[in-house]
PDB file of N, CA and C in Angstrom:
ATOM      1  N   MET A   1      96.722 181.729  59.300  1.00  0.00           N
ATOM      2  CA  MET A   1      97.200 182.316  60.528  1.00  0.00           C
ATOM      3  C   MET A   1      96.688 183.740  60.640  1.00  0.00           C
ATOM      4  N   GLU A   2      96.421 184.162  61.829  1.00  0.00           N
ATOM      5  CA  GLU A   2      95.887 185.507  62.044  1.00  0.00           C
ATOM      6  C   GLU A   2      96.958 186.548  61.778  1.00  0.00           C
ATOM      7  N   THR A   3      96.495 187.747  61.454  1.00  0.00           N
ATOM      8  CA  THR A   3      97.444 188.817  61.222  1.00  0.00           C
ATOM      9  C   THR A   3      97.981 189.326  62.549  1.00  0.00           C
ATOM     10  N   VAL A   4      99.066 190.077  62.482  1.00  0.00           N
ATOM     11  CA  VAL A   4      99.717 190.575  63.692  1.00  0.00           C
ATOM     12  C   VAL A   4      98.805 191.529  64.449  1.00  0.00           C
ATOM     13  N   GLN A   5      97.974 192.308  63.763  1.00  0.00           N
ATOM     14  CA  GLN A   5      97.118 193.273  64.432  1.00  0.00           C
ATOM     15  C   GLN A   5      96.074 192.590  65.316  1.00  0.00           C
ATOM     16  N   ASN A   6      95.629 191.395  64.961  1.00  0.00           N
ATOM     17  CA  ASN A   6      94.579 190.726  65.714  1.00  0.00           C
ATOM     18  C   ASN A   6      95.101 189.930  66.906  1.00  0.00           C
ATOM     19  N   LEU A   7      96.416 189.846  67.063  1.00  0.00           N
ATOM     20  CA  LEU A   7      96.983 189.057  68.147  1.00  0.00           C
ATOM     21  C   LEU A   7      97.331 189.939  69.337  1.00  0.00           C
ATOM     22  N   SER A   8      97.134 189.383  70.516  1.00  0.00           N
ATOM     23  CA  SER A   8      97.527 190.114  71.715  1.00  0.00           C
ATOM     24  C   SER A   8      99.043 190.040  71.859  1.00  0.00           C
ATOM     25  N   VAL A   9      99.564 190.783  72.811  1.00  0.00           N
ATOM     26  CA  VAL A   9     101.004 190.795  73.048  1.00  0.00           C
ATOM     27  C   VAL A   9     101.484 189.393  73.444  1.00  0.00           C
ATOM     28  N   GLY A  10     100.738 188.733  74.293  1.00  0.00           N
ATOM     29  CA  GLY A  10     101.112 187.394  74.723  1.00  0.00           C
ATOM     30  C   GLY A  10     101.122 186.406  73.583  1.00  0.00           C
ATOM     31  N   GLU A  11     100.126 186.496  72.699  1.00  0.00           N
ATOM     32  CA  GLU A  11     100.064 185.589  71.551  1.00  0.00           C
ATOM     33  C   GLU A  11     101.223 185.838  70.587  1.00  0.00           C
ATOM     34  N   ARG A  12     101.553 187.107  70.370  1.00  0.00           N
ATOM     35  CA  ARG A  12     102.688 187.425  69.501  1.00  0.00           C
ATOM     36  C   ARG A  12     103.983 186.888  70.101  1.00  0.00           C
ATOM     37  N   PHE A  13     104.157 187.073  71.406  1.00  0.00           N
ATOM     38  CA  PHE A  13     105.345 186.565  72.083  1.00  0.00           C
ATOM     39  C   PHE A  13     105.434 185.050  71.931  1.00  0.00           C
ATOM     40  N   TYR A  14     104.314 184.368  72.125  1.00  0.00           N
ATOM     41  CA  TYR A  14     104.268 182.907  72.004  1.00  0.00           C
ATOM     42  C   TYR A  14     104.632 182.467  70.588  1.00  0.00           C
ATOM     43  N   ASN A  15     104.045 183.103  69.591  1.00  0.00           N
ATOM     44  CA  ASN A  15     104.337 182.736  68.196  1.00  0.00           C
ATOM     45  C   ASN A  15     105.794 183.002  67.836  1.00  0.00           C
ATOM     46  N   ASN A  16     106.334 184.139  68.290  1.00  0.00           N
ATOM     47  CA  ASN A  16     107.747 184.433  68.019  1.00  0.00           C
ATOM     48  C   ASN A  16     108.647 183.418  68.703  1.00  0.00           C
ATOM     49  N   HIS A  17     108.288 183.047  69.920  1.00  0.00           N
ATOM     50  CA  HIS A  17     109.081 182.061  70.651  1.00  0.00           C
ATOM     51  C   HIS A  17     109.078 180.724  69.912  1.00  0.00           C
ATOM     52  N   LYS A  18     107.912 180.271  69.459  1.00  0.00           N
ATOM     53  CA  LYS A  18     107.829 179.015  68.704  1.00  0.00           C
ATOM     54  C   LYS A  18     108.704 179.069  67.459  1.00  0.00           C
ATOM     55  N   GLN A  19     108.685 180.203  66.778  1.00  0.00           N
ATOM     56  CA  GLN A  19     109.479 180.360  65.560  1.00  0.00           C
ATOM     57  C   GLN A  19     110.974 180.307  65.875  1.00  0.00           C
ATOM     58  N   ARG A  20     111.394 180.979  66.930  1.00  0.00           N
ATOM     59  CA  ARG A  20     112.813 180.983  67.312  1.00  0.00           C
ATOM     60  C   ARG A  20     113.273 179.594  67.751  1.00  0.00           C
ATOM     61  N   VAL A  21     112.431 178.876  68.471  1.00  0.00           N
ATOM     62  CA  VAL A  21     112.779 177.524  68.896  1.00  0.00           C
ATOM     63  C   VAL A  21     112.952 176.624  67.680  1.00  0.00           C
ATOM     64  N   ALA A  22     112.049 176.725  66.716  1.00  0.00           N
ATOM     65  CA  ALA A  22     112.155 175.911  65.500  1.00  0.00           C
ATOM     66  C   ALA A  22     113.439 176.241  64.740  1.00  0.00           C
ATOM     67  N   GLU A  23     113.781 177.526  64.663  1.00  0.00           N
ATOM     68  CA  GLU A  23     115.016 177.926  63.977  1.00  0.00           C
ATOM     69  C   GLU A  23     116.242 177.369  64.696  1.00  0.00           C
ATOM     70  N   TYR A  24     116.235 177.432  66.024  1.00  0.00           N
ATOM     71  CA  TYR A  24     117.356 176.909  66.807  1.00  0.00           C
ATOM     72  C   TYR A  24     117.504 175.410  66.588  1.00  0.00           C
ATOM     73  N   GLN A  25     116.389 174.710  66.602  1.00  0.00           N
ATOM     74  CA  GLN A  25     116.435 173.261  66.425  1.00  0.00           C
ATOM     75  C   GLN A  25     116.957 172.883  65.048  1.00  0.00           C
ATOM     76  N   LYS A  26     116.581 173.635  64.023  1.00  0.00           N
ATOM     77  CA  LYS A  26     117.078 173.356  62.675  1.00  0.00           C
ATOM     78  C   LYS A  26     118.553 173.699  62.550  1.00  0.00           C
ATOM     79  N   ALA A  27     119.004 174.743  63.268  1.00  0.00           N
ATOM     80  CA  ALA A  27     120.398 175.165  63.186  1.00  0.00           C
ATOM     81  C   ALA A  27     121.324 174.266  63.995  1.00  0.00           C
ATOM     82  N   ASN A  28     120.791 173.536  64.988  1.00  0.00           N
ATOM     83  CA  ASN A  28     121.615 172.722  65.872  1.00  0.00           C
ATOM     84  C   ASN A  28     121.100 171.286  65.949  1.00  0.00           C
ATOM     85  N   PRO A  29     121.138 170.555  64.858  1.00  0.00           N
ATOM     86  CA  PRO A  29     120.587 169.192  64.885  1.00  0.00           C
ATOM     87  C   PRO A  29     121.362 168.246  65.799  1.00  0.00           C
ATOM     88  N   ASP A  30     122.677 168.454  65.941  1.00  0.00           N
ATOM     89  CA  ASP A  30     123.459 167.568  66.809  1.00  0.00           C
ATOM     90  C   ASP A  30     123.062 167.738  68.274  1.00  0.00           C
ATOM     91  N   LYS A  31     122.856 168.985  68.699  1.00  0.00           N
ATOM     92  CA  LYS A  31     122.430 169.239  70.075  1.00  0.00           C
ATOM     93  C   LYS A  31     121.045 168.649  70.325  1.00  0.00           C
ATOM     94  N   MET A  32     120.153 168.777  69.342  1.00  0.00           N
ATOM     95  CA  MET A  32     118.804 168.248  69.509  1.00  0.00           C
ATOM     96  C   MET A  32     118.820 166.725  69.556  1.00  0.00           C
ATOM     97  N   ARG A  33     119.673 166.108  68.753  1.00  0.00           N
ATOM     98  CA  ARG A  33     119.796 164.652  68.758  1.00  0.00           C
ATOM     99  C   ARG A  33     120.295 164.170  70.116  1.00  0.00           C
ATOM    100  N   ALA A  34     121.305 164.865  70.667  1.00  0.00           N
ATOM    101  CA  ALA A  34     121.845 164.497  71.977  1.00  0.00           C
ATOM    102  C   ALA A  34     120.802 164.701  73.073  1.00  0.00           C
ATOM    103  N   LYS A  35     120.042 165.779  72.979  1.00  0.00           N
ATOM    104  CA  LYS A  35     119.013 166.066  73.981  1.00  0.00           C
ATOM    105  C   LYS A  35     117.924 164.993  73.942  1.00  0.00           C
ATOM    106  N   CYS A  36     117.514 164.602  72.759  1.00  0.00           N
ATOM    107  CA  CYS A  36     116.486 163.584  72.601  1.00  0.00           C
ATOM    108  C   CYS A  36     116.981 162.234  73.117  1.00  0.00           C
ATOM    109  N   LYS A  37     118.228 161.911  72.821  1.00  0.00           N
ATOM    110  CA  LYS A  37     118.808 160.652  73.279  1.00  0.00           C
ATOM    111  C   LYS A  37     118.877 160.619  74.806  1.00  0.00           C
ATOM    112  N   ALA A  38     119.312 161.716  75.419  1.00  0.00           N
ATOM    113  CA  ALA A  38     119.404 161.780  76.879  1.00  0.00           C
ATOM    114  C   ALA A  38     118.019 161.658  77.510  1.00  0.00           C
ATOM    115  N   TYR A  39     117.028 162.305  76.882  1.00  0.00           N
ATOM    116  CA  TYR A  39     115.660 162.213  77.408  1.00  0.00           C
ATOM    117  C   TYR A  39     115.148 160.778  77.341  1.00  0.00           C
ATOM    118  N   SER A  40     115.393 160.101  76.234  1.00  0.00           N
ATOM    119  CA  SER A  40     114.892 158.733  76.107  1.00  0.00           C
ATOM    120  C   SER A  40     115.578 157.801  77.097  1.00  0.00           C
ATOM    121  N   ILE A  41     116.856 158.026  77.371  1.00  0.00           N
ATOM    122  CA  ILE A  41     117.563 157.209  78.368  1.00  0.00           C
ATOM    123  C   ILE A  41     116.982 157.460  79.759  1.00  0.00           C
ATOM    124  N   ARG A  42     116.774 158.733  80.101  1.00  0.00           N
ATOM    125  CA  ARG A  42     116.179 159.059  81.408  1.00  0.00           C
ATOM    126  C   ARG A  42     114.788 158.466  81.537  1.00  0.00           C
ATOM    127  N   LEU A  43     114.007 158.567  80.475  1.00  0.00           N
ATOM    128  CA  LEU A  43     112.645 158.038  80.497  1.00  0.00           C
ATOM    129  C   LEU A  43     112.658 156.522  80.660  1.00  0.00           C
ATOM    130  N   ARG A  44     113.539 155.858  79.947  1.00  0.00           N
ATOM    131  CA  ARG A  44     113.621 154.402  80.026  1.00  0.00           C
ATOM    132  C   ARG A  44     113.983 153.947  81.437  1.00  0.00           C
ATOM    133  N   GLU A  45     114.884 154.679  82.084  1.00  0.00           N
ATOM    134  CA  GLU A  45     115.312 154.290  83.430  1.00  0.00           C
ATOM    135  C   GLU A  45     114.303 154.675  84.504  1.00  0.00           C
ATOM    136  N   ALA A  46     113.730 155.863  84.392  1.00  0.00           N
ATOM    137  CA  ALA A  46     112.860 156.372  85.459  1.00  0.00           C
ATOM    138  C   ALA A  46     111.418 155.872  85.341  1.00  0.00           C
ATOM    139  N   ARG A  47     110.900 155.797  84.115  1.00  0.00           N
ATOM    140  CA  ARG A  47     109.494 155.448  83.925  1.00  0.00           C
ATOM    141  C   ARG A  47     109.348 154.454  82.775  1.00  0.00           C
ATOM    142  N   PRO A  48     109.684 153.204  83.009  1.00  0.00           N
ATOM    143  CA  PRO A  48     109.656 152.215  81.919  1.00  0.00           C
ATOM    144  C   PRO A  48     108.265 152.005  81.331  1.00  0.00           C
ATOM    145  N   GLU A  49     107.202 152.195  82.104  1.00  0.00           N
ATOM    146  CA  GLU A  49     105.848 152.008  81.554  1.00  0.00           C
ATOM    147  C   GLU A  49     105.525 153.090  80.526  1.00  0.00           C
ATOM    148  N   ILE A  50     105.963 154.322  80.779  1.00  0.00           N
ATOM    149  CA  ILE A  50     105.749 155.408  79.815  1.00  0.00           C
ATOM    150  C   ILE A  50     106.633 155.180  78.589  1.00  0.00           C
ATOM    151  N   TYR A  51     107.846 154.702  78.813  1.00  0.00           N
ATOM    152  CA  TYR A  51     108.762 154.419  77.711  1.00  0.00           C
ATOM    153  C   TYR A  51     108.159 153.377  76.768  1.00  0.00           C
ATOM    154  N   GLN A  52     107.499 152.360  77.320  1.00  0.00           N
ATOM    155  CA  GLN A  52     106.857 151.343  76.492  1.00  0.00           C
ATOM    156  C   GLN A  52     105.729 151.941  75.656  1.00  0.00           C
ATOM    157  N   VAL A  53     104.986 152.880  76.223  1.00  0.00           N
ATOM    158  CA  VAL A  53     103.912 153.547  75.479  1.00  0.00           C
ATOM    159  C   VAL A  53     104.497 154.340  74.315  1.00  0.00           C
ATOM    160  N   VAL A  54     105.600 155.034  74.570  1.00  0.00           N
ATOM    161  CA  VAL A  54     106.254 155.823  73.520  1.00  0.00           C
ATOM    162  C   VAL A  54     106.754 154.902  72.410  1.00  0.00           C
ATOM    163  N   LEU A  55     107.388 153.798  72.788  1.00  0.00           N
ATOM    164  CA  LEU A  55     107.878 152.854  71.778  1.00  0.00           C
ATOM    165  C   LEU A  55     106.738 152.287  70.942  1.00  0.00           C
ATOM    166  N   GLU A  56     105.638 151.963  71.590  1.00  0.00           N
ATOM    167  CA  GLU A  56     104.493 151.425  70.862  1.00  0.00           C
ATOM    168  C   GLU A  56     103.937 152.452  69.872  1.00  0.00           C
ATOM    169  N   ALA A  57     103.900 153.718  70.277  1.00  0.00           N
ATOM    170  CA  ALA A  57     103.427 154.773  69.382  1.00  0.00           C
ATOM    171  C   ALA A  57     104.358 154.911  68.178  1.00  0.00           C
ATOM    172  N   LYS A  58     105.667 154.809  68.415  1.00  0.00           N
ATOM    173  CA  LYS A  58     106.626 154.886  67.311  1.00  0.00           C
ATOM    174  C   LYS A  58     106.459 153.709  66.354  1.00  0.00           C
ATOM    175  N   ARG A  59     106.267 152.513  66.907  1.00  0.00           N
ATOM    176  CA  ARG A  59     106.064 151.325  66.060  1.00  0.00           C
ATOM    177  C   ARG A  59     104.801 151.470  65.217  1.00  0.00           C
ATOM    178  N   LYS A  60     103.740 151.946  65.852  1.00  0.00           N
ATOM    179  CA  LYS A  60     102.473 152.103  65.157  1.00  0.00           C
ATOM    180  C   LYS A  60     102.608 153.112  64.019  1.00  0.00           C
ATOM    181  N   TYR A  61     103.273 154.243  64.283  1.00  0.00           N
ATOM    182  CA  TYR A  61     103.474 155.256  63.251  1.00  0.00           C
ATOM    183  C   TYR A  61     104.302 154.685  62.103  1.00  0.00           C
ATOM    184  N   TYR A  62     105.337 153.925  62.437  1.00  0.00           N
ATOM    185  CA  TYR A  62     106.175 153.333  61.392  1.00  0.00           C
ATOM    186  C   TYR A  62     105.352 152.407  60.505  1.00  0.00           C
ATOM    187  N   HIS A  63     104.576 151.526  61.103  1.00  0.00           N
ATOM    188  CA  HIS A  63     103.827 150.538  60.322  1.00  0.00           C
ATOM    189  C   HIS A  63     102.656 151.150  59.562  1.00  0.00           C
ATOM    190  N   GLU A  64     102.078 152.225  60.093  1.00  0.00           N
ATOM    191  CA  GLU A  64     100.907 152.812  59.437  1.00  0.00           C
ATOM    192  C   GLU A  64     101.242 153.938  58.479  1.00  0.00           C
ATOM    193  N   VAL A  65     102.374 154.616  58.680  1.00  0.00           N
ATOM    194  CA  VAL A  65     102.674 155.787  57.852  1.00  0.00           C
ATOM    195  C   VAL A  65     103.991 155.631  57.092  1.00  0.00           C
ATOM    196  N   THR A  66     105.066 155.451  57.813  1.00  0.00           N
ATOM    197  CA  THR A  66     106.388 155.471  57.197  1.00  0.00           C
ATOM    198  C   THR A  66     106.603 154.318  56.225  1.00  0.00           C
ATOM    199  N   LYS A  67     106.320 153.115  56.666  1.00  0.00           N
ATOM    200  CA  LYS A  67     106.565 151.941  55.824  1.00  0.00           C
ATOM    201  C   LYS A  67     105.722 151.953  54.547  1.00  0.00           C
ATOM    202  N   PRO A  68     104.404 152.216  54.622  1.00  0.00           N
ATOM    203  CA  PRO A  68     103.628 152.278  53.376  1.00  0.00           C
ATOM    204  C   PRO A  68     104.102 153.378  52.419  1.00  0.00           C
ATOM    205  N   LYS A  69     104.507 154.525  52.989  1.00  0.00           N
ATOM    206  CA  LYS A  69     105.000 155.610  52.149  1.00  0.00           C
ATOM    207  C   LYS A  69     106.283 155.199  51.447  1.00  0.00           C
ATOM    208  N   ARG A  70     107.195 154.542  52.185  1.00  0.00           N
ATOM    209  CA  ARG A  70     108.459 154.099  51.612  1.00  0.00           C
ATOM    210  C   ARG A  70     108.225 153.042  50.535  1.00  0.00           C
ATOM    211  N   GLU A  71     107.317 152.113  50.799  1.00  0.00           N
ATOM    212  CA  GLU A  71     107.045 151.059  49.818  1.00  0.00           C
ATOM    213  C   GLU A  71     106.409 151.618  48.553  1.00  0.00           C
ATOM    214  N   SER A  72     105.516 152.607  48.705  1.00  0.00           N
ATOM    215  CA  SER A  72     104.910 153.199  47.510  1.00  0.00           C
ATOM    216  C   SER A  72     105.951 153.964  46.703  1.00  0.00           C
ATOM    217  N   LYS A  73     106.903 154.592  47.392  1.00  0.00           N
ATOM    218  CA  LYS A  73     107.958 155.304  46.686  1.00  0.00           C
ATOM    219  C   LYS A  73     108.843 154.323  45.925  1.00  0.00           C
ATOM    220  N   LYS A  74     109.169 153.175  46.542  1.00  0.00           N
ATOM    221  CA  LYS A  74     109.959 152.143  45.862  1.00  0.00           C
ATOM    222  C   LYS A  74     109.224 151.655  44.622  1.00  0.00           C
ATOM    223  N   LYS A  75     107.923 151.475  44.754  1.00  0.00           N
ATOM    224  CA  LYS A  75     107.116 150.994  43.642  1.00  0.00           C
ATOM    225  C   LYS A  75     107.138 152.002  42.495  1.00  0.00           C
ATOM    226  N   GLU A  76     107.029 153.298  42.817  1.00  0.00           N
ATOM    227  CA  GLU A  76     107.065 154.334  41.790  1.00  0.00           C
ATOM    228  C   GLU A  76     108.404 154.351  41.084  1.00  0.00           C
ATOM    229  N   VAL A  77     109.486 154.210  41.827  1.00  0.00           N
ATOM    230  CA  VAL A  77     110.821 154.202  41.224  1.00  0.00           C
ATOM    231  C   VAL A  77     110.978 153.009  40.305  1.00  0.00           C
ATOM    232  N   ALA A  78     110.516 151.859  40.753  1.00  0.00           N
ATOM    233  CA  ALA A  78     110.616 150.656  39.916  1.00  0.00           C
ATOM    234  C   ALA A  78     109.799 150.807  38.636  1.00  0.00           C
ATOM    235  N   GLU A  79     108.619 151.391  38.742  1.00  0.00           N
ATOM    236  CA  GLU A  79     107.778 151.596  37.558  1.00  0.00           C
ATOM    237  C   GLU A  79     108.434 152.593  36.609  1.00  0.00           C
ATOM    238  N   SER A  80     109.051 153.644  37.148  1.00  0.00           N
ATOM    239  CA  SER A  80     109.682 154.633  36.272  1.00  0.00           C
ATOM    240  C   SER A  80     110.900 154.033  35.559  1.00  0.00           C
ATOM    241  N   ILE A  81     111.618 153.157  36.251  1.00  0.00           N
ATOM    242  CA  ILE A  81     112.775 152.491  35.621  1.00  0.00           C
ATOM    243  C   ILE A  81     112.293 151.579  34.503  1.00  0.00           C
ATOM    244  N   LEU A  82     111.223 150.840  34.748  1.00  0.00           N
ATOM    245  CA  LEU A  82     110.683 149.933  33.734  1.00  0.00           C
ATOM    246  C   LEU A  82     110.125 150.707  32.546  1.00  0.00           C
ATOM    247  N   SER A  83     109.538 151.879  32.800  1.00  0.00           N
ATOM    248  CA  SER A  83     108.979 152.657  31.694  1.00  0.00           C
ATOM    249  C   SER A  83     110.078 153.260  30.819  1.00  0.00           C
ATOM    250  N   VAL A  84     111.258 153.488  31.378  1.00  0.00           N
ATOM    251  CA  VAL A  84     112.372 154.042  30.605  1.00  0.00           C
ATOM    252  C   VAL A  84     112.938 152.981  29.676  1.00  0.00           C
ATOM    253  N   MET A  85     112.923 151.737  30.119  1.00  0.00           N
ATOM    254  CA  MET A  85     113.506 150.651  29.309  1.00  0.00           C
ATOM    255  C   MET A  85     112.689 150.381  28.144  1.00  0.00           C
TER     256      MET A  85
END
């Protein structure tokens, strides 16, 4: 990341804003969960074609990233248990 001296006022403002938003989101997970849920309901009702695209992207990410990572972790745990015995 660039140093503060090399950034313009607008860039510094933008970076500080991003940092504050991230802090707020981490401090208020219940509010963020409710906001996300409300957005998905609105999206599903107003624009079902976009909602289907979002669901497909989530499915693809799950099958390509999350599931293989979880299965490899299970495999490591099973191997470590067997090595202890």
